[in-house]
Amino acid sequence: SATCGSRIALALSCDPAGRIERVGLRAHACAVGQAAAAIFAGGAPGHDRDAIASAGAALAVWLAGEGALPDWPGLATLAPARDYPARHGAILLPWTAALAALPSA
């Protein structure tokens, strides 16, 4: 994350249809970044690239103060961090990393 220096290493295992089966990650991040990474990892199995992109985009909109909290298990835990824009990059980082790791169509 350019805003706070948080980093994660992310590995994904996918089924033949491109749905995430397993997530491995190592987070070097603030507490908010670590929480976001854990929340992402817990909810990612069963999702494909399009679902990850959609969730990440919805999360960015919500963090910007528009739209509803995205439907992702555990994400409500991060609601208090919405008021701290310097942490938004760390929150979005797992979704961004997953899109970089998943093959594009």
PDB file of N, CA and C in Angstrom:
ATOM      1  N   SER A   1       0.844  -1.181   0.000  1.00  0.00           N
ATOM      2  CA  SER A   1       0.000   0.000   0.000  1.00  0.00           C
ATOM      3  C   SER A   1       0.886   1.241   0.000  1.00  0.00           C
ATOM      4  N   ALA A   2       0.666   2.080  -0.939  1.00  0.00           N
ATOM      5  CA  ALA A   2       1.466   3.304  -1.034  1.00  0.00           C
ATOM      6  C   ALA A   2       1.201   4.256   0.129  1.00  0.00           C
ATOM      7  N   THR A   3       0.035   4.159   0.741  1.00  0.00           N
ATOM      8  CA  THR A   3      -0.300   5.113   1.800  1.00  0.00           C
ATOM      9  C   THR A   3       0.356   4.795   3.129  1.00  0.00           C
ATOM     10  N   CYS A   4       0.588   3.496   3.413  1.00  0.00           N
ATOM     11  CA  CYS A   4       1.112   3.177   4.746  1.00  0.00           C
ATOM     12  C   CYS A   4       2.277   2.188   4.728  1.00  0.00           C
ATOM     13  N   GLY A   5       2.622   1.663   3.566  1.00  0.00           N
ATOM     14  CA  GLY A   5       3.741   0.731   3.484  1.00  0.00           C
ATOM     15  C   GLY A   5       3.382  -0.715   3.751  1.00  0.00           C
ATOM     16  N   SER A   6       2.114  -1.018   3.963  1.00  0.00           N
ATOM     17  CA  SER A   6       1.706  -2.405   4.169  1.00  0.00           C
ATOM     18  C   SER A   6       1.993  -3.227   2.921  1.00  0.00           C
ATOM     19  N   ARG A   7       2.394  -4.482   3.157  1.00  0.00           N
ATOM     20  CA  ARG A   7       2.679  -5.400   2.049  1.00  0.00           C
ATOM     21  C   ARG A   7       2.110  -6.764   2.402  1.00  0.00           C
ATOM     22  N   ILE A   8       1.675  -7.495   1.383  1.00  0.00           N
ATOM     23  CA  ILE A   8       1.315  -8.890   1.591  1.00  0.00           C
ATOM     24  C   ILE A   8       1.865  -9.715   0.445  1.00  0.00           C
ATOM     25  N   ALA A   9       2.252 -10.932   0.774  1.00  0.00           N
ATOM     26  CA  ALA A   9       2.582 -11.938  -0.232  1.00  0.00           C
ATOM     27  C   ALA A   9       1.385 -12.869  -0.261  1.00  0.00           C
ATOM     28  N   LEU A  10       0.840 -13.103  -1.444  1.00  0.00           N
ATOM     29  CA  LEU A  10      -0.409 -13.838  -1.582  1.00  0.00           C
ATOM     30  C   LEU A  10      -0.232 -14.957  -2.598  1.00  0.00           C
ATOM     31  N   ALA A  11      -0.672 -16.146  -2.237  1.00  0.00           N
ATOM     32  CA  ALA A  11      -0.682 -17.283  -3.160  1.00  0.00           C
ATOM     33  C   ALA A  11      -2.094 -17.839  -3.183  1.00  0.00           C
ATOM     34  N   LEU A  12      -2.569 -18.156  -4.375  1.00  0.00           N
ATOM     35  CA  LEU A  12      -3.924 -18.671  -4.539  1.00  0.00           C
ATOM     36  C   LEU A  12      -3.883 -19.994  -5.279  1.00  0.00           C
ATOM     37  N   SER A  13      -4.707 -20.915  -4.834  1.00  0.00           N
ATOM     38  CA  SER A  13      -4.910 -22.173  -5.537  1.00  0.00           C
ATOM     39  C   SER A  13      -6.335 -22.145  -6.058  1.00  0.00           C
ATOM     40  N   CYS A  14      -6.490 -22.413  -7.351  1.00  0.00           N
ATOM     41  CA  CYS A  14      -7.810 -22.328  -7.969  1.00  0.00           C
ATOM     42  C   CYS A  14      -8.210 -23.659  -8.594  1.00  0.00           C
ATOM     43  N   ASP A  15      -9.522 -23.866  -8.689  1.00  0.00           N
ATOM     44  CA  ASP A  15     -10.029 -25.060  -9.360  1.00  0.00           C
ATOM     45  C   ASP A  15      -9.988 -24.818 -10.876  1.00  0.00           C
ATOM     46  N   PRO A  16     -10.297 -25.824 -11.687  1.00  0.00           N
ATOM     47  CA  PRO A  16     -10.239 -25.650 -13.146  1.00  0.00           C
ATOM     48  C   PRO A  16     -11.150 -24.543 -13.682  1.00  0.00           C
ATOM     49  N   ALA A  17     -12.208 -24.204 -12.947  1.00  0.00           N
ATOM     50  CA  ALA A  17     -13.111 -23.132 -13.381  1.00  0.00           C
ATOM     51  C   ALA A  17     -12.613 -21.750 -12.971  1.00  0.00           C
ATOM     52  N   GLY A  18     -11.483 -21.679 -12.258  1.00  0.00           N
ATOM     53  CA  GLY A  18     -10.917 -20.393 -11.850  1.00  0.00           C
ATOM     54  C   GLY A  18     -11.416 -19.884 -10.521  1.00  0.00           C
ATOM     55  N   ARG A  19     -12.134 -20.706  -9.772  1.00  0.00           N
ATOM     56  CA  ARG A  19     -12.594 -20.310  -8.440  1.00  0.00           C
ATOM     57  C   ARG A  19     -11.494 -20.606  -7.421  1.00  0.00           C
ATOM     58  N   ILE A  20     -11.304 -19.673  -6.511  1.00  0.00           N
ATOM     59  CA  ILE A  20     -10.279 -19.824  -5.482  1.00  0.00           C
ATOM     60  C   ILE A  20     -10.656 -20.983  -4.567  1.00  0.00           C
ATOM     61  N   GLU A  21      -9.701 -21.877  -4.347  1.00  0.00           N
ATOM     62  CA  GLU A  21      -9.892 -22.985  -3.411  1.00  0.00           C
ATOM     63  C   GLU A  21      -9.174 -22.732  -2.090  1.00  0.00           C
ATOM     64  N   ARG A  22      -7.941 -22.240  -2.192  1.00  0.00           N
ATOM     65  CA  ARG A  22      -7.137 -21.996  -0.987  1.00  0.00           C
ATOM     66  C   ARG A  22      -6.380 -20.684  -1.135  1.00  0.00           C
ATOM     67  N   VAL A  23      -6.141 -20.061   0.007  1.00  0.00           N
ATOM     68  CA  VAL A  23      -5.400 -18.797   0.051  1.00  0.00           C
ATOM     69  C   VAL A  23      -4.243 -18.964   1.027  1.00  0.00           C
ATOM     70  N   GLY A  24      -3.075 -18.558   0.588  1.00  0.00           N
ATOM     71  CA  GLY A  24      -1.924 -18.472   1.482  1.00  0.00           C
ATOM     72  C   GLY A  24      -1.453 -17.036   1.467  1.00  0.00           C
ATOM     73  N   LEU A  25      -1.136 -16.516   2.623  1.00  0.00           N
ATOM     74  CA  LEU A  25      -0.654 -15.139   2.638  1.00  0.00           C
ATOM     75  C   LEU A  25       0.280 -14.898   3.803  1.00  0.00           C
ATOM     76  N   ARG A  26       1.103 -13.917   3.599  1.00  0.00           N
ATOM     77  CA  ARG A  26       1.995 -13.411   4.640  1.00  0.00           C
ATOM     78  C   ARG A  26       1.834 -11.900   4.619  1.00  0.00           C
ATOM     79  N   ALA A  27       1.315 -11.370   5.710  1.00  0.00           N
ATOM     80  CA  ALA A  27       1.058  -9.937   5.790  1.00  0.00           C
ATOM     81  C   ALA A  27       2.136  -9.240   6.606  1.00  0.00           C
ATOM     82  N   HIS A  28       2.712  -8.216   6.025  1.00  0.00           N
ATOM     83  CA  HIS A  28       3.612  -7.299   6.728  1.00  0.00           C
ATOM     84  C   HIS A  28       2.886  -5.960   6.691  1.00  0.00           C
ATOM     85  N   ALA A  29       1.987  -5.798   7.654  1.00  0.00           N
ATOM     86  CA  ALA A  29       1.074  -4.671   7.572  1.00  0.00           C
ATOM     87  C   ALA A  29       0.683  -4.198   8.964  1.00  0.00           C
ATOM     88  N   CYS A  30       0.051  -3.041   8.971  1.00  0.00           N
ATOM     89  CA  CYS A  30      -0.528  -2.523  10.201  1.00  0.00           C
ATOM     90  C   CYS A  30      -1.652  -3.462  10.639  1.00  0.00           C
ATOM     91  N   ALA A  31      -2.199  -3.223  11.792  1.00  0.00           N
ATOM     92  CA  ALA A  31      -3.272  -4.078  12.309  1.00  0.00           C
ATOM     93  C   ALA A  31      -4.472  -4.088  11.363  1.00  0.00           C
ATOM     94  N   VAL A  32      -4.785  -2.957  10.769  1.00  0.00           N
ATOM     95  CA  VAL A  32      -5.906  -2.893   9.834  1.00  0.00           C
ATOM     96  C   VAL A  32      -5.603  -3.716   8.586  1.00  0.00           C
ATOM     97  N   GLY A  33      -4.385  -3.621   8.087  1.00  0.00           N
ATOM     98  CA  GLY A  33      -3.988  -4.406   6.922  1.00  0.00           C
ATOM     99  C   GLY A  33      -3.990  -5.892   7.207  1.00  0.00           C
ATOM    100  N   GLN A  34      -3.528  -6.277   8.390  1.00  0.00           N
ATOM    101  CA  GLN A  34      -3.554  -7.691   8.763  1.00  0.00           C
ATOM    102  C   GLN A  34      -4.984  -8.188   8.888  1.00  0.00           C
ATOM    103  N   ALA A  35      -5.847  -7.375   9.467  1.00  0.00           N
ATOM    104  CA  ALA A  35      -7.252  -7.762   9.599  1.00  0.00           C
ATOM    105  C   ALA A  35      -7.904  -7.902   8.222  1.00  0.00           C
ATOM    106  N   ALA A  36      -7.635  -6.968   7.327  1.00  0.00           N
ATOM    107  CA  ALA A  36      -8.195  -7.040   5.973  1.00  0.00           C
ATOM    108  C   ALA A  36      -7.716  -8.296   5.256  1.00  0.00           C
ATOM    109  N   ALA A  37      -6.438  -8.629   5.426  1.00  0.00           N
ATOM    110  CA  ALA A  37      -5.898  -9.829   4.788  1.00  0.00           C
ATOM    111  C   ALA A  37      -6.589 -11.088   5.319  1.00  0.00           C
ATOM    112  N   ALA A  38      -6.800 -11.146   6.622  1.00  0.00           N
ATOM    113  CA  ALA A  38      -7.469 -12.306   7.219  1.00  0.00           C
ATOM    114  C   ALA A  38      -8.925 -12.386   6.763  1.00  0.00           C
ATOM    115  N   ILE A  39      -9.595 -11.256   6.689  1.00  0.00           N
ATOM    116  CA  ILE A  39     -10.984 -11.222   6.232  1.00  0.00           C
ATOM    117  C   ILE A  39     -11.059 -11.659   4.771  1.00  0.00           C
ATOM    118  N   PHE A  40     -10.136 -11.168   3.962  1.00  0.00           N
ATOM    119  CA  PHE A  40     -10.104 -11.584   2.559  1.00  0.00           C
ATOM    120  C   PHE A  40      -9.907 -13.097   2.457  1.00  0.00           C
ATOM    121  N   ALA A  41      -8.916 -13.611   3.159  1.00  0.00           N
ATOM    122  CA  ALA A  41      -8.596 -15.041   3.085  1.00  0.00           C
ATOM    123  C   ALA A  41      -9.766 -15.908   3.532  1.00  0.00           C
ATOM    124  N   GLY A  42     -10.492 -15.455   4.531  1.00  0.00           N
ATOM    125  CA  GLY A  42     -11.625 -16.226   5.016  1.00  0.00           C
ATOM    126  C   GLY A  42     -12.786 -16.271   4.042  1.00  0.00           C
ATOM    127  N   GLY A  43     -12.949 -15.221   3.260  1.00  0.00           N
ATOM    128  CA  GLY A  43     -14.087 -15.155   2.345  1.00  0.00           C
ATOM    129  C   GLY A  43     -13.795 -15.481   0.901  1.00  0.00           C
ATOM    130  N   ALA A  44     -12.534 -15.574   0.533  1.00  0.00           N
ATOM    131  CA  ALA A  44     -12.171 -15.742  -0.876  1.00  0.00           C
ATOM    132  C   ALA A  44     -12.510 -17.104  -1.487  1.00  0.00           C
ATOM    133  N   PRO A  45     -12.389 -18.221  -0.755  1.00  0.00           N
ATOM    134  CA  PRO A  45     -12.686 -19.511  -1.391  1.00  0.00           C
ATOM    135  C   PRO A  45     -14.085 -19.548  -2.020  1.00  0.00           C
ATOM    136  N   GLY A  46     -14.116 -20.049  -3.235  1.00  0.00           N
ATOM    137  CA  GLY A  46     -15.356 -20.138  -3.995  1.00  0.00           C
ATOM    138  C   GLY A  46     -15.574 -18.979  -4.948  1.00  0.00           C
ATOM    139  N   HIS A  47     -14.782 -17.912  -4.811  1.00  0.00           N
ATOM    140  CA  HIS A  47     -14.924 -16.743  -5.675  1.00  0.00           C
ATOM    141  C   HIS A  47     -13.966 -16.836  -6.862  1.00  0.00           C
ATOM    142  N   ASP A  48     -14.399 -16.308  -7.993  1.00  0.00           N
ATOM    143  CA  ASP A  48     -13.534 -16.237  -9.169  1.00  0.00           C
ATOM    144  C   ASP A  48     -13.042 -14.802  -9.348  1.00  0.00           C
ATOM    145  N   ARG A  49     -12.275 -14.581 -10.402  1.00  0.00           N
ATOM    146  CA  ARG A  49     -11.681 -13.269 -10.655  1.00  0.00           C
ATOM    147  C   ARG A  49     -12.734 -12.166 -10.726  1.00  0.00           C
ATOM    148  N   ASP A  50     -13.837 -12.434 -11.432  1.00  0.00           N
ATOM    149  CA  ASP A  50     -14.877 -11.410 -11.568  1.00  0.00           C
ATOM    150  C   ASP A  50     -15.474 -11.034 -10.215  1.00  0.00           C
ATOM    151  N   ALA A  51     -15.697 -12.033  -9.362  1.00  0.00           N
ATOM    152  CA  ALA A  51     -16.264 -11.765  -8.035  1.00  0.00           C
ATOM    153  C   ALA A  51     -15.287 -10.976  -7.171  1.00  0.00           C
ATOM    154  N   ILE A  52     -13.996 -11.307  -7.275  1.00  0.00           N
ATOM    155  CA  ILE A  52     -12.980 -10.571  -6.506  1.00  0.00           C
ATOM    156  C   ILE A  52     -12.907  -9.128  -6.990  1.00  0.00           C
ATOM    157  N   ALA A  53     -12.938  -8.937  -8.310  1.00  0.00           N
ATOM    158  CA  ALA A  53     -12.896  -7.583  -8.870  1.00  0.00           C
ATOM    159  C   ALA A  53     -14.121  -6.781  -8.438  1.00  0.00           C
ATOM    160  N   SER A  54     -15.277  -7.403  -8.490  1.00  0.00           N
ATOM    161  CA  SER A  54     -16.512  -6.726  -8.101  1.00  0.00           C
ATOM    162  C   SER A  54     -16.495  -6.346  -6.616  1.00  0.00           C
ATOM    163  N   ALA A  55     -16.061  -7.269  -5.774  1.00  0.00           N
ATOM    164  CA  ALA A  55     -15.996  -6.993  -4.334  1.00  0.00           C
ATOM    165  C   ALA A  55     -14.985  -5.890  -4.039  1.00  0.00           C
ATOM    166  N   GLY A  56     -13.839  -5.934  -4.696  1.00  0.00           N
ATOM    167  CA  GLY A  56     -12.822  -4.899  -4.483  1.00  0.00           C
ATOM    168  C   GLY A  56     -13.308  -3.531  -4.928  1.00  0.00           C
ATOM    169  N   ALA A  57     -14.010  -3.477  -6.058  1.00  0.00           N
ATOM    170  CA  ALA A  57     -14.547  -2.206  -6.546  1.00  0.00           C
ATOM    171  C   ALA A  57     -15.618  -1.679  -5.593  1.00  0.00           C
ATOM    172  N   ALA A  58     -16.483  -2.562  -5.112  1.00  0.00           N
ATOM    173  CA  ALA A  58     -17.525  -2.152  -4.166  1.00  0.00           C
ATOM    174  C   ALA A  58     -16.904  -1.670  -2.854  1.00  0.00           C
ATOM    175  N   LEU A  59     -15.830  -2.322  -2.440  1.00  0.00           N
ATOM    176  CA  LEU A  59     -15.137  -1.916  -1.225  1.00  0.00           C
ATOM    177  C   LEU A  59     -14.537  -0.520  -1.383  1.00  0.00           C
ATOM    178  N   ALA A  60     -13.939  -0.252  -2.533  1.00  0.00           N
ATOM    179  CA  ALA A  60     -13.363   1.070  -2.786  1.00  0.00           C
ATOM    180  C   ALA A  60     -14.438   2.151  -2.774  1.00  0.00           C
ATOM    181  N   VAL A  61     -15.591   1.859  -3.359  1.00  0.00           N
ATOM    182  CA  VAL A  61     -16.698   2.815  -3.371  1.00  0.00           C
ATOM    183  C   VAL A  61     -17.174   3.074  -1.948  1.00  0.00           C
ATOM    184  N   TRP A  62     -17.331   2.008  -1.180  1.00  0.00           N
ATOM    185  CA  TRP A  62     -17.773   2.164   0.209  1.00  0.00           C
ATOM    186  C   TRP A  62     -16.760   2.966   1.024  1.00  0.00           C
ATOM    187  N   LEU A  63     -15.472   2.683   0.849  1.00  0.00           N
ATOM    188  CA  LEU A  63     -14.446   3.424   1.581  1.00  0.00           C
ATOM    189  C   LEU A  63     -14.465   4.906   1.222  1.00  0.00           C
ATOM    190  N   ALA A  64     -14.856   5.216  -0.016  1.00  0.00           N
ATOM    191  CA  ALA A  64     -14.950   6.606  -0.455  1.00  0.00           C
ATOM    192  C   ALA A  64     -16.183   7.313   0.100  1.00  0.00           C
ATOM    193  N   GLY A  65     -17.006   6.588   0.860  1.00  0.00           N
ATOM    194  CA  GLY A  65     -18.178   7.198   1.473  1.00  0.00           C
ATOM    195  C   GLY A  65     -19.437   7.079   0.649  1.00  0.00           C
ATOM    196  N   GLU A  66     -19.382   6.257  -0.382  1.00  0.00           N
ATOM    197  CA  GLU A  66     -20.539   6.062  -1.243  1.00  0.00           C
ATOM    198  C   GLU A  66     -20.889   4.583  -1.242  1.00  0.00           C
ATOM    199  N   GLY A  67     -22.135   4.276  -1.408  1.00  0.00           N
ATOM    200  CA  GLY A  67     -22.534   2.880  -1.508  1.00  0.00           C
ATOM    201  C   GLY A  67     -22.568   2.179  -0.161  1.00  0.00           C
ATOM    202  N   ALA A  68     -23.085   0.976  -0.215  1.00  0.00           N
ATOM    203  CA  ALA A  68     -23.241   0.159   0.984  1.00  0.00           C
ATOM    204  C   ALA A  68     -21.998  -0.685   1.230  1.00  0.00           C
ATOM    205  N   LEU A  69     -21.881  -1.131   2.450  1.00  0.00           N
ATOM    206  CA  LEU A  69     -20.804  -2.056   2.804  1.00  0.00           C
ATOM    207  C   LEU A  69     -20.953  -3.309   1.945  1.00  0.00           C
ATOM    208  N   PRO A  70     -19.907  -3.724   1.236  1.00  0.00           N
ATOM    209  CA  PRO A  70     -20.002  -4.912   0.389  1.00  0.00           C
ATOM    210  C   PRO A  70     -20.328  -6.163   1.192  1.00  0.00           C
ATOM    211  N   ASP A  71     -20.960  -7.101   0.528  1.00  0.00           N
ATOM    212  CA  ASP A  71     -21.331  -8.370   1.142  1.00  0.00           C
ATOM    213  C   ASP A  71     -20.120  -9.305   1.108  1.00  0.00           C
ATOM    214  N   TRP A  72     -19.313  -9.249   2.147  1.00  0.00           N
ATOM    215  CA  TRP A  72     -18.128 -10.090   2.285  1.00  0.00           C
ATOM    216  C   TRP A  72     -18.041 -10.474   3.755  1.00  0.00           C
ATOM    217  N   PRO A  73     -17.931 -11.745   4.067  1.00  0.00           N
ATOM    218  CA  PRO A  73     -17.931 -12.164   5.479  1.00  0.00           C
ATOM    219  C   PRO A  73     -16.858 -11.452   6.310  1.00  0.00           C
ATOM    220  N   GLY A  74     -17.278 -10.843   7.400  1.00  0.00           N
ATOM    221  CA  GLY A  74     -16.354 -10.211   8.337  1.00  0.00           C
ATOM    222  C   GLY A  74     -15.978  -8.788   8.029  1.00  0.00           C
ATOM    223  N   LEU A  75     -16.378  -8.284   6.876  1.00  0.00           N
ATOM    224  CA  LEU A  75     -15.951  -6.945   6.464  1.00  0.00           C
ATOM    225  C   LEU A  75     -16.468  -5.849   7.395  1.00  0.00           C
ATOM    226  N   ALA A  76     -17.590  -6.068   8.020  1.00  0.00           N
ATOM    227  CA  ALA A  76     -18.132  -5.062   8.946  1.00  0.00           C
ATOM    228  C   ALA A  76     -17.165  -4.766  10.086  1.00  0.00           C
ATOM    229  N   THR A  77     -16.288  -5.695  10.384  1.00  0.00           N
ATOM    230  CA  THR A  77     -15.289  -5.497  11.427  1.00  0.00           C
ATOM    231  C   THR A  77     -14.397  -4.290  11.118  1.00  0.00           C
ATOM    232  N   LEU A  78     -14.199  -4.014   9.842  1.00  0.00           N
ATOM    233  CA  LEU A  78     -13.320  -2.915   9.436  1.00  0.00           C
ATOM    234  C   LEU A  78     -14.048  -1.577   9.304  1.00  0.00           C
ATOM    235  N   ALA A  79     -15.344  -1.545   9.565  1.00  0.00           N
ATOM    236  CA  ALA A  79     -16.120  -0.317   9.382  1.00  0.00           C
ATOM    237  C   ALA A  79     -15.519   0.899  10.102  1.00  0.00           C
ATOM    238  N   PRO A  80     -15.003   0.768  11.322  1.00  0.00           N
ATOM    239  CA  PRO A  80     -14.429   1.955  11.967  1.00  0.00           C
ATOM    240  C   PRO A  80     -13.238   2.560  11.203  1.00  0.00           C
ATOM    241  N   ALA A  81     -12.536   1.771  10.408  1.00  0.00           N
ATOM    242  CA  ALA A  81     -11.377   2.269   9.668  1.00  0.00           C
ATOM    243  C   ALA A  81     -11.773   3.104   8.461  1.00  0.00           C
ATOM    244  N   ARG A  82     -13.032   3.079   8.108  1.00  0.00           N
ATOM    245  CA  ARG A  82     -13.506   3.886   6.982  1.00  0.00           C
ATOM    246  C   ARG A  82     -13.225   5.361   7.207  1.00  0.00           C
ATOM    247  N   ASP A  83     -13.235   5.788   8.457  1.00  0.00           N
ATOM    248  CA  ASP A  83     -12.997   7.194   8.792  1.00  0.00           C
ATOM    249  C   ASP A  83     -11.526   7.600   8.713  1.00  0.00           C
ATOM    250  N   TYR A  84     -10.646   6.666   8.351  1.00  0.00           N
ATOM    251  CA  TYR A  84      -9.202   6.929   8.303  1.00  0.00           C
ATOM    252  C   TYR A  84      -8.661   6.614   6.906  1.00  0.00           C
ATOM    253  N   PRO A  85      -8.739   7.581   5.994  1.00  0.00           N
ATOM    254  CA  PRO A  85      -8.321   7.353   4.612  1.00  0.00           C
ATOM    255  C   PRO A  85      -6.894   6.824   4.461  1.00  0.00           C
ATOM    256  N   ALA A  86      -6.022   7.114   5.403  1.00  0.00           N
ATOM    257  CA  ALA A  86      -4.650   6.602   5.320  1.00  0.00           C
ATOM    258  C   ALA A  86      -4.606   5.084   5.433  1.00  0.00           C
ATOM    259  N   ARG A  87      -5.665   4.467   5.903  1.00  0.00           N
ATOM    260  CA  ARG A  87      -5.724   3.005   6.042  1.00  0.00           C
ATOM    261  C   ARG A  87      -6.463   2.332   4.894  1.00  0.00           C
ATOM    262  N   HIS A  88      -7.068   3.099   4.019  1.00  0.00           N
ATOM    263  CA  HIS A  88      -7.844   2.510   2.934  1.00  0.00           C
ATOM    264  C   HIS A  88      -6.996   1.649   2.004  1.00  0.00           C
ATOM    265  N   GLY A  89      -5.778   2.067   1.731  1.00  0.00           N
ATOM    266  CA  GLY A  89      -4.898   1.274   0.878  1.00  0.00           C
ATOM    267  C   GLY A  89      -4.604  -0.091   1.475  1.00  0.00           C
ATOM    268  N   ALA A  90      -4.409  -0.130   2.781  1.00  0.00           N
ATOM    269  CA  ALA A  90      -4.153  -1.403   3.455  1.00  0.00           C
ATOM    270  C   ALA A  90      -5.382  -2.303   3.414  1.00  0.00           C
ATOM    271  N   ILE A  91      -6.567  -1.710   3.498  1.00  0.00           N
ATOM    272  CA  ILE A  91      -7.799  -2.489   3.439  1.00  0.00           C
ATOM    273  C   ILE A  91      -7.985  -3.084   2.045  1.00  0.00           C
ATOM    274  N   LEU A  92      -7.699  -2.318   1.020  1.00  0.00           N
ATOM    275  CA  LEU A  92      -7.883  -2.776  -0.357  1.00  0.00           C
ATOM    276  C   LEU A  92      -6.785  -3.723  -0.837  1.00  0.00           C
ATOM    277  N   LEU A  93      -5.671  -3.732  -0.160  1.00  0.00           N
ATOM    278  CA  LEU A  93      -4.494  -4.478  -0.612  1.00  0.00           C
ATOM    279  C   LEU A  93      -4.758  -5.953  -0.934  1.00  0.00           C
ATOM    280  N   PRO A  94      -5.449  -6.719  -0.114  1.00  0.00           N
ATOM    281  CA  PRO A  94      -5.653  -8.130  -0.452  1.00  0.00           C
ATOM    282  C   PRO A  94      -6.427  -8.331  -1.755  1.00  0.00           C
ATOM    283  N   TRP A  95      -7.440  -7.507  -2.001  1.00  0.00           N
ATOM    284  CA  TRP A  95      -8.204  -7.634  -3.236  1.00  0.00           C
ATOM    285  C   TRP A  95      -7.339  -7.248  -4.431  1.00  0.00           C
ATOM    286  N   THR A  96      -6.531  -6.223  -4.275  1.00  0.00           N
ATOM    287  CA  THR A  96      -5.622  -5.799  -5.345  1.00  0.00           C
ATOM    288  C   THR A  96      -4.596  -6.885  -5.641  1.00  0.00           C
ATOM    289  N   ALA A  97      -4.026  -7.464  -4.606  1.00  0.00           N
ATOM    290  CA  ALA A  97      -3.035  -8.531  -4.772  1.00  0.00           C
ATOM    291  C   ALA A  97      -3.654  -9.762  -5.419  1.00  0.00           C
ATOM    292  N   ALA A  98      -4.879 -10.093  -5.029  1.00  0.00           N
ATOM    293  CA  ALA A  98      -5.547 -11.254  -5.617  1.00  0.00           C
ATOM    294  C   ALA A  98      -5.774 -11.049  -7.104  1.00  0.00           C
ATOM    295  N   LEU A  99      -6.181  -9.855  -7.507  1.00  0.00           N
ATOM    296  CA  LEU A  99      -6.383  -9.592  -8.937  1.00  0.00           C
ATOM    297  C   LEU A  99      -5.083  -9.696  -9.712  1.00  0.00           C
ATOM    298  N   ALA A 100      -3.977  -9.294  -9.079  1.00  0.00           N
ATOM    299  CA  ALA A 100      -2.673  -9.426  -9.742  1.00  0.00           C
ATOM    300  C   ALA A 100      -2.267 -10.883  -9.857  1.00  0.00           C
ATOM    301  N   ALA A 101      -2.681 -11.708  -8.901  1.00  0.00           N
ATOM    302  CA  ALA A 101      -2.299 -13.120  -8.888  1.00  0.00           C
ATOM    303  C   ALA A 101      -3.187 -13.987  -9.769  1.00  0.00           C
ATOM    304  N   LEU A 102      -4.444 -13.615  -9.932  1.00  0.00           N
ATOM    305  CA  LEU A 102      -5.370 -14.426 -10.726  1.00  0.00           C
ATOM    306  C   LEU A 102      -5.184 -14.167 -12.212  1.00  0.00           C
ATOM    307  N   PRO A 103      -5.243 -15.221 -13.020  1.00  0.00           N
ATOM    308  CA  PRO A 103      -5.111 -15.013 -14.460  1.00  0.00           C
ATOM    309  C   PRO A 103      -6.297 -14.225 -15.008  1.00  0.00           C
ATOM    310  N   SER A 104      -6.026 -13.329 -15.925  1.00  0.00           N
ATOM    311  CA  SER A 104      -7.117 -12.582 -16.539  1.00  0.00           C
ATOM    312  C   SER A 104      -7.679 -13.403 -17.709  1.00  0.00           C
ATOM    313  N   ALA A 105      -8.899 -13.098 -18.035  1.00  0.00           N
ATOM    314  CA  ALA A 105      -9.607 -13.880 -19.073  1.00  0.00           C
ATOM    315  C   ALA A 105      -9.014 -13.692 -20.441  1.00  0.00           C
TER     316      ALA A 105
END
